[in-house]
Full PDB file with SEQRES, HELIX, SHEET, SSBOND, CRYST1, ORIGX, SCALE, CONECT and MASTER records, all heavy atoms in Angstrom:
SEQRES   1 A   43  ALA LYS ALA ILE ALA PHE SER ARG LYS SER TYR TRP ASN          
SEQRES   2 A   43  THR SER MET PHE ILE GLY ILE TYR ILE THR ASN GLU SER          
SEQRES   3 A   43  LEU LYS LYS LYS GLY LEU VAL SER PRO LEU ASP HIS TYR          
SEQRES   4 A   43  LEU LYS ILE HIS                                              
HELIX    1 AA1 LYS A    2  ALA A    5  1                                   4    
HELIX    2 AA2 TYR A   11  ILE A   18  1                                   8    
HELIX    3 AA3 ASN A   24  LYS A   29  1                                   6    
HELIX    4 AA4 PRO A   35  ILE A   42  1                                   8    
CRYST1    1.000    1.000    1.000  90.00  90.00  90.00 P 1           1          
ORIGX1      1.000000  0.000000  0.000000        0.00000                         
ORIGX2      0.000000  1.000000  0.000000        0.00000                         
ORIGX3      0.000000  0.000000  1.000000        0.00000                         
SCALE1      1.000000  0.000000  0.000000        0.00000                         
SCALE2      0.000000  1.000000  0.000000        0.00000                         
SCALE3      0.000000  0.000000  1.000000        0.00000                         
ATOM      1  N   ALA A   1       4.180  15.931  -4.196  1.00  0.00           N  
ATOM      2  CA  ALA A   1       2.920  15.541  -3.497  1.00  0.00           C  
ATOM      3  C   ALA A   1       1.725  15.984  -4.222  1.00  0.00           C  
ATOM      4  O   ALA A   1       0.705  15.236  -4.342  1.00  0.00           O  
ATOM      5  CB  ALA A   1       2.983  16.065  -2.057  1.00  0.00           C  
ATOM      6  N   LYS A   2       1.688  17.234  -4.675  1.00  0.00           N  
ATOM      7  CA  LYS A   2       0.521  17.772  -5.408  1.00  0.00           C  
ATOM      8  C   LYS A   2       0.330  17.062  -6.701  1.00  0.00           C  
ATOM      9  O   LYS A   2      -0.844  16.729  -7.079  1.00  0.00           O  
ATOM     10  CB  LYS A   2       0.721  19.310  -5.677  1.00  0.00           C  
ATOM     11  CG  LYS A   2       0.533  20.130  -4.375  1.00  0.00           C  
ATOM     12  CD  LYS A   2       0.682  21.605  -4.742  1.00  0.00           C  
ATOM     13  CE  LYS A   2       0.410  22.483  -3.525  1.00  0.00           C  
ATOM     14  NZ  LYS A   2       0.587  23.914  -3.824  1.00  0.00           N  
ATOM     15  N   ALA A   3       1.427  16.791  -7.410  1.00  0.00           N  
ATOM     16  CA  ALA A   3       1.299  16.133  -8.734  1.00  0.00           C  
ATOM     17  C   ALA A   3       0.638  14.729  -8.537  1.00  0.00           C  
ATOM     18  O   ALA A   3      -0.213  14.372  -9.379  1.00  0.00           O  
ATOM     19  CB  ALA A   3       2.645  15.979  -9.350  1.00  0.00           C  
ATOM     20  N   ILE A   4       1.029  14.014  -7.545  1.00  0.00           N  
ATOM     21  CA  ILE A   4       0.476  12.674  -7.337  1.00  0.00           C  
ATOM     22  C   ILE A   4      -0.937  12.765  -6.797  1.00  0.00           C  
ATOM     23  O   ILE A   4      -1.795  12.029  -7.235  1.00  0.00           O  
ATOM     24  CB  ILE A   4       1.380  11.864  -6.351  1.00  0.00           C  
ATOM     25  CG1 ILE A   4       2.793  11.652  -6.916  1.00  0.00           C  
ATOM     26  CG2 ILE A   4       0.727  10.498  -6.051  1.00  0.00           C  
ATOM     27  CD1 ILE A   4       3.775  11.075  -5.889  1.00  0.00           C  
ATOM     28  N   ALA A   5      -1.178  13.706  -5.875  1.00  0.00           N  
ATOM     29  CA  ALA A   5      -2.481  13.798  -5.232  1.00  0.00           C  
ATOM     30  C   ALA A   5      -3.569  14.226  -6.217  1.00  0.00           C  
ATOM     31  O   ALA A   5      -4.723  13.755  -6.068  1.00  0.00           O  
ATOM     32  CB  ALA A   5      -2.424  14.821  -4.055  1.00  0.00           C  
ATOM     33  N   PHE A   6      -3.222  15.079  -7.206  1.00  0.00           N  
ATOM     34  CA  PHE A   6      -4.232  15.532  -8.144  1.00  0.00           C  
ATOM     35  C   PHE A   6      -4.255  14.670  -9.409  1.00  0.00           C  
ATOM     36  O   PHE A   6      -4.980  15.031 -10.370  1.00  0.00           O  
ATOM     37  CB  PHE A   6      -3.983  17.017  -8.479  1.00  0.00           C  
ATOM     38  CG  PHE A   6      -4.327  17.980  -7.398  1.00  0.00           C  
ATOM     39  CD1 PHE A   6      -3.363  18.565  -6.614  1.00  0.00           C  
ATOM     40  CD2 PHE A   6      -5.676  18.230  -7.123  1.00  0.00           C  
ATOM     41  CE1 PHE A   6      -3.718  19.430  -5.613  1.00  0.00           C  
ATOM     42  CE2 PHE A   6      -6.021  19.138  -6.065  1.00  0.00           C  
ATOM     43  CZ  PHE A   6      -5.060  19.663  -5.331  1.00  0.00           C  
ATOM     44  N   SER A   7      -3.447  13.646  -9.485  1.00  0.00           N  
ATOM     45  CA  SER A   7      -3.428  12.781 -10.659  1.00  0.00           C  
ATOM     46  C   SER A   7      -4.710  12.050 -10.808  1.00  0.00           C  
ATOM     47  O   SER A   7      -5.386  11.710  -9.850  1.00  0.00           O  
ATOM     48  CB  SER A   7      -2.309  11.803 -10.495  1.00  0.00           C  
ATOM     49  OG  SER A   7      -2.372  10.774 -11.528  1.00  0.00           O  
ATOM     50  N   ARG A   8      -5.121  11.833 -12.034  1.00  0.00           N  
ATOM     51  CA  ARG A   8      -6.328  11.091 -12.320  1.00  0.00           C  
ATOM     52  C   ARG A   8      -6.095   9.625 -12.658  1.00  0.00           C  
ATOM     53  O   ARG A   8      -6.941   8.903 -13.124  1.00  0.00           O  
ATOM     54  CB  ARG A   8      -7.091  11.730 -13.534  1.00  0.00           C  
ATOM     55  CG  ARG A   8      -7.633  13.108 -13.216  1.00  0.00           C  
ATOM     56  CD  ARG A   8      -8.491  13.672 -14.303  1.00  0.00           C  
ATOM     57  NE  ARG A   8      -9.026  14.969 -14.007  1.00  0.00           N  
ATOM     58  CZ  ARG A   8      -9.853  15.616 -14.789  1.00  0.00           C  
ATOM     59  NH1 ARG A   8     -10.196  15.078 -15.945  1.00  0.00           N  
ATOM     60  NH2 ARG A   8     -10.371  16.819 -14.446  1.00  0.00           N  
ATOM     61  N   LYS A   9      -4.844   9.185 -12.388  1.00  0.00           N  
ATOM     62  CA  LYS A   9      -4.515   7.801 -12.617  1.00  0.00           C  
ATOM     63  C   LYS A   9      -5.308   6.916 -11.658  1.00  0.00           C  
ATOM     64  O   LYS A   9      -5.729   7.324 -10.602  1.00  0.00           O  
ATOM     65  CB  LYS A   9      -3.018   7.592 -12.464  1.00  0.00           C  
ATOM     66  CG  LYS A   9      -2.149   8.304 -13.483  1.00  0.00           C  
ATOM     67  CD  LYS A   9      -0.708   7.955 -13.274  1.00  0.00           C  
ATOM     68  CE  LYS A   9       0.202   8.681 -14.293  1.00  0.00           C  
ATOM     69  NZ  LYS A   9      -0.038   8.192 -15.670  1.00  0.00           N  
ATOM     70  N   SER A  10      -5.473   5.667 -12.034  1.00  0.00           N  
ATOM     71  CA  SER A  10      -6.154   4.675 -11.213  1.00  0.00           C  
ATOM     72  C   SER A  10      -5.364   4.378  -9.930  1.00  0.00           C  
ATOM     73  O   SER A  10      -4.160   4.685  -9.835  1.00  0.00           O  
ATOM     74  CB  SER A  10      -6.340   3.375 -12.024  1.00  0.00           C  
ATOM     75  OG  SER A  10      -5.099   2.739 -12.235  1.00  0.00           O  
ATOM     76  N   TYR A  11      -6.085   3.814  -8.982  1.00  0.00           N  
ATOM     77  CA  TYR A  11      -5.387   3.457  -7.699  1.00  0.00           C  
ATOM     78  C   TYR A  11      -4.179   2.551  -8.022  1.00  0.00           C  
ATOM     79  O   TYR A  11      -3.116   2.721  -7.440  1.00  0.00           O  
ATOM     80  CB  TYR A  11      -6.367   2.645  -6.831  1.00  0.00           C  
ATOM     81  CG  TYR A  11      -7.360   3.537  -6.126  1.00  0.00           C  
ATOM     82  CD1 TYR A  11      -8.729   3.476  -6.465  1.00  0.00           C  
ATOM     83  CD2 TYR A  11      -7.007   4.384  -5.070  1.00  0.00           C  
ATOM     84  CE1 TYR A  11      -9.666   4.223  -5.823  1.00  0.00           C  
ATOM     85  CE2 TYR A  11      -7.930   5.142  -4.410  1.00  0.00           C  
ATOM     86  CZ  TYR A  11      -9.255   5.058  -4.780  1.00  0.00           C  
ATOM     87  OH  TYR A  11     -10.174   5.810  -4.149  1.00  0.00           O  
ATOM     88  N   TRP A  12      -4.374   1.572  -8.933  1.00  0.00           N  
ATOM     89  CA  TRP A  12      -3.323   0.619  -9.244  1.00  0.00           C  
ATOM     90  C   TRP A  12      -2.071   1.338  -9.840  1.00  0.00           C  
ATOM     91  O   TRP A  12      -0.965   1.026  -9.429  1.00  0.00           O  
ATOM     92  CB  TRP A  12      -3.871  -0.449 -10.207  1.00  0.00           C  
ATOM     93  CG  TRP A  12      -2.869  -1.597 -10.427  1.00  0.00           C  
ATOM     94  CD1 TRP A  12      -2.189  -1.867 -11.554  1.00  0.00           C  
ATOM     95  CD2 TRP A  12      -2.478  -2.581  -9.447  1.00  0.00           C  
ATOM     96  NE1 TRP A  12      -1.429  -2.965 -11.386  1.00  0.00           N  
ATOM     97  CE2 TRP A  12      -1.553  -3.431 -10.095  1.00  0.00           C  
ATOM     98  CE3 TRP A  12      -2.778  -2.772  -8.118  1.00  0.00           C  
ATOM     99  CZ2 TRP A  12      -0.910  -4.487  -9.451  1.00  0.00           C  
ATOM    100  CZ3 TRP A  12      -2.204  -3.837  -7.476  1.00  0.00           C  
ATOM    101  CH2 TRP A  12      -1.277  -4.667  -8.118  1.00  0.00           C  
ATOM    102  N   ASN A  13      -2.266   2.240 -10.805  1.00  0.00           N  
ATOM    103  CA  ASN A  13      -1.159   2.947 -11.402  1.00  0.00           C  
ATOM    104  C   ASN A  13      -0.539   3.917 -10.424  1.00  0.00           C  
ATOM    105  O   ASN A  13       0.715   4.103 -10.417  1.00  0.00           O  
ATOM    106  CB  ASN A  13      -1.657   3.680 -12.635  1.00  0.00           C  
ATOM    107  CG  ASN A  13      -1.947   2.744 -13.805  1.00  0.00           C  
ATOM    108  OD1 ASN A  13      -1.379   1.657 -13.919  1.00  0.00           O  
ATOM    109  ND2 ASN A  13      -2.827   3.149 -14.701  1.00  0.00           N  
ATOM    110  N   THR A  14      -1.364   4.558  -9.602  1.00  0.00           N  
ATOM    111  CA  THR A  14      -0.810   5.480  -8.619  1.00  0.00           C  
ATOM    112  C   THR A  14       0.078   4.740  -7.575  1.00  0.00           C  
ATOM    113  O   THR A  14       1.025   5.357  -7.096  1.00  0.00           O  
ATOM    114  CB  THR A  14      -1.957   6.196  -7.868  1.00  0.00           C  
ATOM    115  OG1 THR A  14      -2.771   6.835  -8.806  1.00  0.00           O  
ATOM    116  CG2 THR A  14      -1.440   7.227  -6.903  1.00  0.00           C  
ATOM    117  N   SER A  15      -0.274   3.540  -7.264  1.00  0.00           N  
ATOM    118  CA  SER A  15       0.513   2.804  -6.315  1.00  0.00           C  
ATOM    119  C   SER A  15       1.981   2.652  -6.699  1.00  0.00           C  
ATOM    120  O   SER A  15       2.853   2.496  -5.787  1.00  0.00           O  
ATOM    121  CB  SER A  15      -0.114   1.395  -6.082  1.00  0.00           C  
ATOM    122  OG  SER A  15       0.053   0.633  -7.265  1.00  0.00           O  
ATOM    123  N   MET A  16       2.294   2.748  -8.006  1.00  0.00           N  
ATOM    124  CA  MET A  16       3.684   2.646  -8.414  1.00  0.00           C  
ATOM    125  C   MET A  16       4.429   3.863  -7.989  1.00  0.00           C  
ATOM    126  O   MET A  16       5.643   3.787  -7.532  1.00  0.00           O  
ATOM    127  CB  MET A  16       3.763   2.542  -9.954  1.00  0.00           C  
ATOM    128  CG  MET A  16       3.205   1.269 -10.524  1.00  0.00           C  
ATOM    129  SD  MET A  16       3.298   1.254 -12.336  1.00  0.00           S  
ATOM    130  CE  MET A  16       5.019   1.408 -12.593  1.00  0.00           C  
ATOM    131  N   PHE A  17       3.805   5.044  -7.994  1.00  0.00           N  
ATOM    132  CA  PHE A  17       4.433   6.280  -7.625  1.00  0.00           C  
ATOM    133  C   PHE A  17       4.602   6.432  -6.144  1.00  0.00           C  
ATOM    134  O   PHE A  17       5.637   6.864  -5.634  1.00  0.00           O  
ATOM    135  CB  PHE A  17       3.749   7.483  -8.211  1.00  0.00           C  
ATOM    136  CG  PHE A  17       3.691   7.471  -9.683  1.00  0.00           C  
ATOM    137  CD1 PHE A  17       2.511   7.040 -10.375  1.00  0.00           C  
ATOM    138  CD2 PHE A  17       4.753   7.913 -10.426  1.00  0.00           C  
ATOM    139  CE1 PHE A  17       2.485   7.023 -11.781  1.00  0.00           C  
ATOM    140  CE2 PHE A  17       4.771   7.866 -11.842  1.00  0.00           C  
ATOM    141  CZ  PHE A  17       3.634   7.465 -12.513  1.00  0.00           C  
ATOM    142  N   ILE A  18       3.498   6.098  -5.408  1.00  0.00           N  
ATOM    143  CA  ILE A  18       3.537   6.289  -3.958  1.00  0.00           C  
ATOM    144  C   ILE A  18       4.424   5.221  -3.274  1.00  0.00           C  
ATOM    145  O   ILE A  18       4.757   5.345  -2.094  1.00  0.00           O  
ATOM    146  CB  ILE A  18       2.125   6.272  -3.355  1.00  0.00           C  
ATOM    147  CG1 ILE A  18       1.407   4.931  -3.499  1.00  0.00           C  
ATOM    148  CG2 ILE A  18       1.321   7.411  -3.869  1.00  0.00           C  
ATOM    149  CD1 ILE A  18       0.122   4.883  -2.801  1.00  0.00           C  
ATOM    150  N   GLY A  19       4.843   4.208  -4.089  1.00  0.00           N  
ATOM    151  CA  GLY A  19       5.722   3.206  -3.535  1.00  0.00           C  
ATOM    152  C   GLY A  19       7.105   3.807  -3.214  1.00  0.00           C  
ATOM    153  O   GLY A  19       7.853   3.238  -2.368  1.00  0.00           O  
ATOM    154  N   ILE A  20       7.418   4.952  -3.789  1.00  0.00           N  
ATOM    155  CA  ILE A  20       8.638   5.630  -3.449  1.00  0.00           C  
ATOM    156  C   ILE A  20       8.629   6.095  -1.980  1.00  0.00           C  
ATOM    157  O   ILE A  20       9.659   6.139  -1.297  1.00  0.00           O  
ATOM    158  CB  ILE A  20       8.870   6.869  -4.361  1.00  0.00           C  
ATOM    159  CG1 ILE A  20       8.918   6.377  -5.824  1.00  0.00           C  
ATOM    160  CG2 ILE A  20      10.117   7.631  -3.988  1.00  0.00           C  
ATOM    161  CD1 ILE A  20       8.937   7.524  -6.816  1.00  0.00           C  
ATOM    162  N   TYR A  21       7.455   6.415  -1.486  1.00  0.00           N  
ATOM    163  CA  TYR A  21       7.324   6.991  -0.180  1.00  0.00           C  
ATOM    164  C   TYR A  21       6.702   5.969   0.855  1.00  0.00           C  
ATOM    165  O   TYR A  21       7.187   5.938   1.995  1.00  0.00           O  
ATOM    166  CB  TYR A  21       6.412   8.247  -0.244  1.00  0.00           C  
ATOM    167  CG  TYR A  21       6.873   9.256  -1.323  1.00  0.00           C  
ATOM    168  CD1 TYR A  21       6.231   9.362  -2.520  1.00  0.00           C  
ATOM    169  CD2 TYR A  21       8.037   9.953  -1.140  1.00  0.00           C  
ATOM    170  CE1 TYR A  21       6.602  10.180  -3.508  1.00  0.00           C  
ATOM    171  CE2 TYR A  21       8.475  10.789  -2.114  1.00  0.00           C  
ATOM    172  CZ  TYR A  21       7.802  10.931  -3.303  1.00  0.00           C  
ATOM    173  OH  TYR A  21       8.221  11.759  -4.304  1.00  0.00           O  
ATOM    174  N   ILE A  22       5.790   5.194   0.396  1.00  0.00           N  
ATOM    175  CA  ILE A  22       5.279   4.064   1.241  1.00  0.00           C  
ATOM    176  C   ILE A  22       6.137   2.879   0.913  1.00  0.00           C  
ATOM    177  O   ILE A  22       5.767   2.031   0.103  1.00  0.00           O  
ATOM    178  CB  ILE A  22       3.750   3.815   1.004  1.00  0.00           C  
ATOM    179  CG1 ILE A  22       2.966   5.070   1.174  1.00  0.00           C  
ATOM    180  CG2 ILE A  22       3.292   2.710   2.007  1.00  0.00           C  
ATOM    181  CD1 ILE A  22       1.472   4.895   0.801  1.00  0.00           C  
ATOM    182  N   THR A  23       7.296   2.857   1.503  1.00  0.00           N  
ATOM    183  CA  THR A  23       8.325   1.876   1.129  1.00  0.00           C  
ATOM    184  C   THR A  23       7.989   0.476   1.732  1.00  0.00           C  
ATOM    185  O   THR A  23       7.150   0.356   2.583  1.00  0.00           O  
ATOM    186  CB  THR A  23       9.683   2.281   1.639  1.00  0.00           C  
ATOM    187  OG1 THR A  23       9.647   2.372   3.067  1.00  0.00           O  
ATOM    188  CG2 THR A  23      10.099   3.680   1.038  1.00  0.00           C  
ATOM    189  N   ASN A  24       8.764  -0.509   1.207  1.00  0.00           N  
ATOM    190  CA  ASN A  24       8.671  -1.831   1.772  1.00  0.00           C  
ATOM    191  C   ASN A  24       8.958  -1.860   3.260  1.00  0.00           C  
ATOM    192  O   ASN A  24       8.325  -2.502   4.046  1.00  0.00           O  
ATOM    193  CB  ASN A  24       9.591  -2.807   1.002  1.00  0.00           C  
ATOM    194  CG  ASN A  24       9.222  -2.983  -0.417  1.00  0.00           C  
ATOM    195  OD1 ASN A  24       8.235  -2.529  -0.888  1.00  0.00           O  
ATOM    196  ND2 ASN A  24      10.081  -3.713  -1.137  1.00  0.00           N  
ATOM    197  N   GLU A  25       9.948  -1.079   3.609  1.00  0.00           N  
ATOM    198  CA  GLU A  25      10.358  -1.011   5.012  1.00  0.00           C  
ATOM    199  C   GLU A  25       9.260  -0.403   5.897  1.00  0.00           C  
ATOM    200  O   GLU A  25       9.044  -0.823   7.030  1.00  0.00           O  
ATOM    201  CB  GLU A  25      11.664  -0.191   5.160  1.00  0.00           C  
ATOM    202  CG  GLU A  25      12.284  -0.233   6.526  1.00  0.00           C  
ATOM    203  CD  GLU A  25      12.702  -1.608   6.983  1.00  0.00           C  
ATOM    204  OE1 GLU A  25      13.004  -2.418   6.091  1.00  0.00           O  
ATOM    205  OE2 GLU A  25      12.652  -1.906   8.217  1.00  0.00           O  
ATOM    206  N   SER A  26       8.617   0.643   5.357  1.00  0.00           N  
ATOM    207  CA  SER A  26       7.551   1.301   6.195  1.00  0.00           C  
ATOM    208  C   SER A  26       6.343   0.317   6.378  1.00  0.00           C  
ATOM    209  O   SER A  26       5.741   0.328   7.412  1.00  0.00           O  
ATOM    210  CB  SER A  26       7.051   2.572   5.471  1.00  0.00           C  
ATOM    211  OG  SER A  26       6.362   2.264   4.258  1.00  0.00           O  
ATOM    212  N   LEU A  27       6.032  -0.494   5.366  1.00  0.00           N  
ATOM    213  CA  LEU A  27       4.973  -1.462   5.506  1.00  0.00           C  
ATOM    214  C   LEU A  27       5.359  -2.576   6.524  1.00  0.00           C  
ATOM    215  O   LEU A  27       4.541  -3.066   7.222  1.00  0.00           O  
ATOM    216  CB  LEU A  27       4.632  -2.095   4.165  1.00  0.00           C  
ATOM    217  CG  LEU A  27       4.003  -1.204   3.101  1.00  0.00           C  
ATOM    218  CD1 LEU A  27       3.813  -1.932   1.776  1.00  0.00           C  
ATOM    219  CD2 LEU A  27       2.648  -0.653   3.629  1.00  0.00           C  
ATOM    220  N   LYS A  28       6.662  -2.887   6.483  1.00  0.00           N  
ATOM    221  CA  LYS A  28       7.182  -3.852   7.476  1.00  0.00           C  
ATOM    222  C   LYS A  28       7.040  -3.303   8.883  1.00  0.00           C  
ATOM    223  O   LYS A  28       6.672  -4.060   9.789  1.00  0.00           O  
ATOM    224  CB  LYS A  28       8.641  -4.159   7.166  1.00  0.00           C  
ATOM    225  CG  LYS A  28       9.229  -5.273   8.020  1.00  0.00           C  
ATOM    226  CD  LYS A  28      10.646  -5.548   7.566  1.00  0.00           C  
ATOM    227  CE  LYS A  28      11.297  -6.704   8.420  1.00  0.00           C  
ATOM    228  NZ  LYS A  28      12.722  -6.921   7.954  1.00  0.00           N  
ATOM    229  N   LYS A  29       7.285  -1.994   9.068  1.00  0.00           N  
ATOM    230  CA  LYS A  29       7.187  -1.400  10.347  1.00  0.00           C  
ATOM    231  C   LYS A  29       5.695  -1.398  10.821  1.00  0.00           C  
ATOM    232  O   LYS A  29       5.381  -1.369  12.034  1.00  0.00           O  
ATOM    233  CB  LYS A  29       7.690   0.092  10.339  1.00  0.00           C  
ATOM    234  CG  LYS A  29       9.241   0.100  10.304  1.00  0.00           C  
ATOM    235  CD  LYS A  29       9.718   1.516  10.259  1.00  0.00           C  
ATOM    236  CE  LYS A  29      11.274   1.548  10.240  1.00  0.00           C  
ATOM    237  NZ  LYS A  29      11.778   2.955  10.152  1.00  0.00           N  
ATOM    238  N   LYS A  30       4.769  -1.342   9.860  1.00  0.00           N  
ATOM    239  CA  LYS A  30       3.339  -1.419  10.188  1.00  0.00           C  
ATOM    240  C   LYS A  30       2.910  -2.856  10.614  1.00  0.00           C  
ATOM    241  O   LYS A  30       1.802  -3.055  11.074  1.00  0.00           O  
ATOM    242  CB  LYS A  30       2.470  -0.895   9.014  1.00  0.00           C  
ATOM    243  CG  LYS A  30       2.555   0.574   8.747  1.00  0.00           C  
ATOM    244  CD  LYS A  30       1.662   0.942   7.579  1.00  0.00           C  
ATOM    245  CE  LYS A  30       1.719   2.427   7.302  1.00  0.00           C  
ATOM    246  NZ  LYS A  30       1.178   3.266   8.352  1.00  0.00           N  
ATOM    247  N   GLY A  31       3.860  -3.797  10.471  1.00  0.00           N  
ATOM    248  CA  GLY A  31       3.559  -5.131  10.870  1.00  0.00           C  
ATOM    249  C   GLY A  31       3.327  -6.147   9.765  1.00  0.00           C  
ATOM    250  O   GLY A  31       3.153  -7.314  10.057  1.00  0.00           O  
ATOM    251  N   LEU A  32       3.290  -5.722   8.504  1.00  0.00           N  
ATOM    252  CA  LEU A  32       3.011  -6.635   7.409  1.00  0.00           C  
ATOM    253  C   LEU A  32       4.156  -7.594   7.188  1.00  0.00           C  
ATOM    254  O   LEU A  32       5.308  -7.244   7.095  1.00  0.00           O  
ATOM    255  CB  LEU A  32       2.798  -5.779   6.096  1.00  0.00           C  
ATOM    256  CG  LEU A  32       2.464  -6.677   4.873  1.00  0.00           C  
ATOM    257  CD1 LEU A  32       1.087  -7.360   4.996  1.00  0.00           C  
ATOM    258  CD2 LEU A  32       2.486  -5.789   3.611  1.00  0.00           C  
ATOM    259  N   VAL A  33       3.772  -8.866   7.182  1.00  0.00           N  
ATOM    260  CA  VAL A  33       4.736  -9.936   6.939  1.00  0.00           C  
ATOM    261  C   VAL A  33       4.901 -10.129   5.459  1.00  0.00           C  
ATOM    262  O   VAL A  33       3.966 -10.270   4.684  1.00  0.00           O  
ATOM    263  CB  VAL A  33       4.328 -11.270   7.548  1.00  0.00           C  
ATOM    264  CG1 VAL A  33       5.182 -12.416   7.123  1.00  0.00           C  
ATOM    265  CG2 VAL A  33       4.294 -11.148   9.080  1.00  0.00           C  
ATOM    266  N   SER A  34       6.173 -10.018   4.967  1.00  0.00           N  
ATOM    267  CA  SER A  34       6.433 -10.284   3.543  1.00  0.00           C  
ATOM    268  C   SER A  34       6.480 -11.780   3.292  1.00  0.00           C  
ATOM    269  O   SER A  34       7.208 -12.549   4.001  1.00  0.00           O  
ATOM    270  CB  SER A  34       7.808  -9.672   3.185  1.00  0.00           C  
ATOM    271  OG  SER A  34       8.304 -10.265   2.004  1.00  0.00           O  
ATOM    272  N   PRO A  35       5.629 -12.276   2.392  1.00  0.00           N  
ATOM    273  CA  PRO A  35       5.691 -13.724   2.024  1.00  0.00           C  
ATOM    274  C   PRO A  35       7.081 -14.175   1.692  1.00  0.00           C  
ATOM    275  O   PRO A  35       7.492 -15.319   2.120  1.00  0.00           O  
ATOM    276  CB  PRO A  35       4.757 -13.836   0.851  1.00  0.00           C  
ATOM    277  CG  PRO A  35       3.763 -12.755   1.058  1.00  0.00           C  
ATOM    278  CD  PRO A  35       4.594 -11.602   1.618  1.00  0.00           C  
ATOM    279  N   LEU A  36       7.830 -13.409   0.923  1.00  0.00           N  
ATOM    280  CA  LEU A  36       9.203 -13.816   0.556  1.00  0.00           C  
ATOM    281  C   LEU A  36      10.090 -13.862   1.783  1.00  0.00           C  
ATOM    282  O   LEU A  36      10.820 -14.883   1.964  1.00  0.00           O  
ATOM    283  CB  LEU A  36       9.810 -12.776  -0.454  1.00  0.00           C  
ATOM    284  CG  LEU A  36      11.223 -13.044  -0.832  1.00  0.00           C  
ATOM    285  CD1 LEU A  36      11.374 -14.439  -1.519  1.00  0.00           C  
ATOM    286  CD2 LEU A  36      11.729 -11.947  -1.754  1.00  0.00           C  
ATOM    287  N   ASP A  37      10.050 -12.855   2.635  1.00  0.00           N  
ATOM    288  CA  ASP A  37      10.951 -12.826   3.825  1.00  0.00           C  
ATOM    289  C   ASP A  37      10.603 -14.030   4.723  1.00  0.00           C  
ATOM    290  O   ASP A  37      11.504 -14.662   5.268  1.00  0.00           O  
ATOM    291  CB  ASP A  37      10.753 -11.577   4.621  1.00  0.00           C  
ATOM    292  CG  ASP A  37      11.395 -10.361   3.864  1.00  0.00           C  
ATOM    293  OD1 ASP A  37      12.127 -10.580   2.865  1.00  0.00           O  
ATOM    294  OD2 ASP A  37      11.127  -9.191   4.254  1.00  0.00           O  
ATOM    295  N   HIS A  38       9.318 -14.263   4.899  1.00  0.00           N  
ATOM    296  CA  HIS A  38       8.889 -15.381   5.802  1.00  0.00           C  
ATOM    297  C   HIS A  38       9.360 -16.754   5.233  1.00  0.00           C  
ATOM    298  O   HIS A  38       9.808 -17.616   5.962  1.00  0.00           O  
ATOM    299  CB  HIS A  38       7.411 -15.361   6.085  1.00  0.00           C  
ATOM    300  CG  HIS A  38       6.993 -16.314   7.137  1.00  0.00           C  
ATOM    301  ND1 HIS A  38       7.413 -16.268   8.448  1.00  0.00           N  
ATOM    302  CD2 HIS A  38       6.234 -17.420   7.061  1.00  0.00           C  
ATOM    303  CE1 HIS A  38       6.891 -17.236   9.155  1.00  0.00           C  
ATOM    304  NE2 HIS A  38       6.121 -17.995   8.341  1.00  0.00           N  
ATOM    305  N   TYR A  39       9.223 -16.882   3.881  1.00  0.00           N  
ATOM    306  CA  TYR A  39       9.639 -18.103   3.260  1.00  0.00           C  
ATOM    307  C   TYR A  39      11.091 -18.294   3.418  1.00  0.00           C  
ATOM    308  O   TYR A  39      11.551 -19.415   3.718  1.00  0.00           O  
ATOM    309  CB  TYR A  39       9.225 -18.006   1.749  1.00  0.00           C  
ATOM    310  CG  TYR A  39       9.894 -19.139   0.952  1.00  0.00           C  
ATOM    311  CD1 TYR A  39       9.468 -20.495   1.120  1.00  0.00           C  
ATOM    312  CD2 TYR A  39      10.866 -18.881   0.037  1.00  0.00           C  
ATOM    313  CE1 TYR A  39      10.047 -21.525   0.394  1.00  0.00           C  
ATOM    314  CE2 TYR A  39      11.455 -19.901  -0.723  1.00  0.00           C  
ATOM    315  CZ  TYR A  39      11.035 -21.228  -0.532  1.00  0.00           C  
ATOM    316  OH  TYR A  39      11.628 -22.208  -1.263  1.00  0.00           O  
ATOM    317  N   LEU A  40      11.934 -17.260   3.142  1.00  0.00           N  
ATOM    318  CA  LEU A  40      13.391 -17.437   3.249  1.00  0.00           C  
ATOM    319  C   LEU A  40      13.787 -17.753   4.690  1.00  0.00           C  
ATOM    320  O   LEU A  40      14.819 -18.411   4.908  1.00  0.00           O  
ATOM    321  CB  LEU A  40      14.042 -16.153   2.751  1.00  0.00           C  
ATOM    322  CG  LEU A  40      13.870 -15.861   1.224  1.00  0.00           C  
ATOM    323  CD1 LEU A  40      14.527 -14.445   0.939  1.00  0.00           C  
ATOM    324  CD2 LEU A  40      14.508 -16.912   0.436  1.00  0.00           C  
ATOM    325  N   LYS A  41      13.037 -17.220   5.642  1.00  0.00           N  
ATOM    326  CA  LYS A  41      13.354 -17.433   7.041  1.00  0.00           C  
ATOM    327  C   LYS A  41      13.103 -18.924   7.441  1.00  0.00           C  
ATOM    328  O   LYS A  41      13.863 -19.502   8.179  1.00  0.00           O  
ATOM    329  CB  LYS A  41      12.465 -16.543   7.920  1.00  0.00           C  
ATOM    330  CG  LYS A  41      12.683 -16.683   9.416  1.00  0.00           C  
ATOM    331  CD  LYS A  41      11.776 -15.711  10.160  1.00  0.00           C  
ATOM    332  CE  LYS A  41      11.943 -15.905  11.705  1.00  0.00           C  
ATOM    333  NZ  LYS A  41      10.991 -14.978  12.406  1.00  0.00           N  
ATOM    334  N   ILE A  42      12.010 -19.561   6.973  1.00  0.00           N  
ATOM    335  CA  ILE A  42      11.625 -20.884   7.447  1.00  0.00           C  
ATOM    336  C   ILE A  42      11.856 -21.994   6.446  1.00  0.00           C  
ATOM    337  O   ILE A  42      11.636 -23.173   6.779  1.00  0.00           O  
ATOM    338  CB  ILE A  42      10.179 -20.903   7.993  1.00  0.00           C  
ATOM    339  CG1 ILE A  42       9.207 -20.838   6.775  1.00  0.00           C  
ATOM    340  CG2 ILE A  42       9.890 -19.804   8.982  1.00  0.00           C  
ATOM    341  CD1 ILE A  42       7.805 -21.238   7.176  1.00  0.00           C  
ATOM    342  N   HIS A  43      12.214 -21.712   5.212  1.00  0.00           N  
ATOM    343  CA  HIS A  43      12.326 -22.707   4.170  1.00  0.00           C  
ATOM    344  C   HIS A  43      13.314 -23.809   4.618  1.00  0.00           C  
ATOM    345  O   HIS A  43      14.453 -23.503   5.081  1.00  0.00           O  
ATOM    346  CB  HIS A  43      12.832 -22.091   2.855  1.00  0.00           C  
ATOM    347  CG  HIS A  43      13.111 -23.106   1.788  1.00  0.00           C  
ATOM    348  ND1 HIS A  43      12.202 -24.077   1.417  1.00  0.00           N  
ATOM    349  CD2 HIS A  43      14.208 -23.272   1.006  1.00  0.00           C  
ATOM    350  CE1 HIS A  43      12.690 -24.804   0.452  1.00  0.00           C  
ATOM    351  NE2 HIS A  43      13.952 -24.346   0.210  1.00  0.00           N  
TER     352      HIS A  43                                                      
MASTER        0    0    0    4    0    0    0    6  351    1    0    4          
END                                                                             
């Protein structure tokens, strides 16, 4: 957590690392609709 928090990397590059913790599933729980999931559901 400290290594990521104190990193000077850009937001975009940092997003690769925090993706380990802010997972696809956690974003789904927040209510975000995945374009791929919705497409596969209604195609």
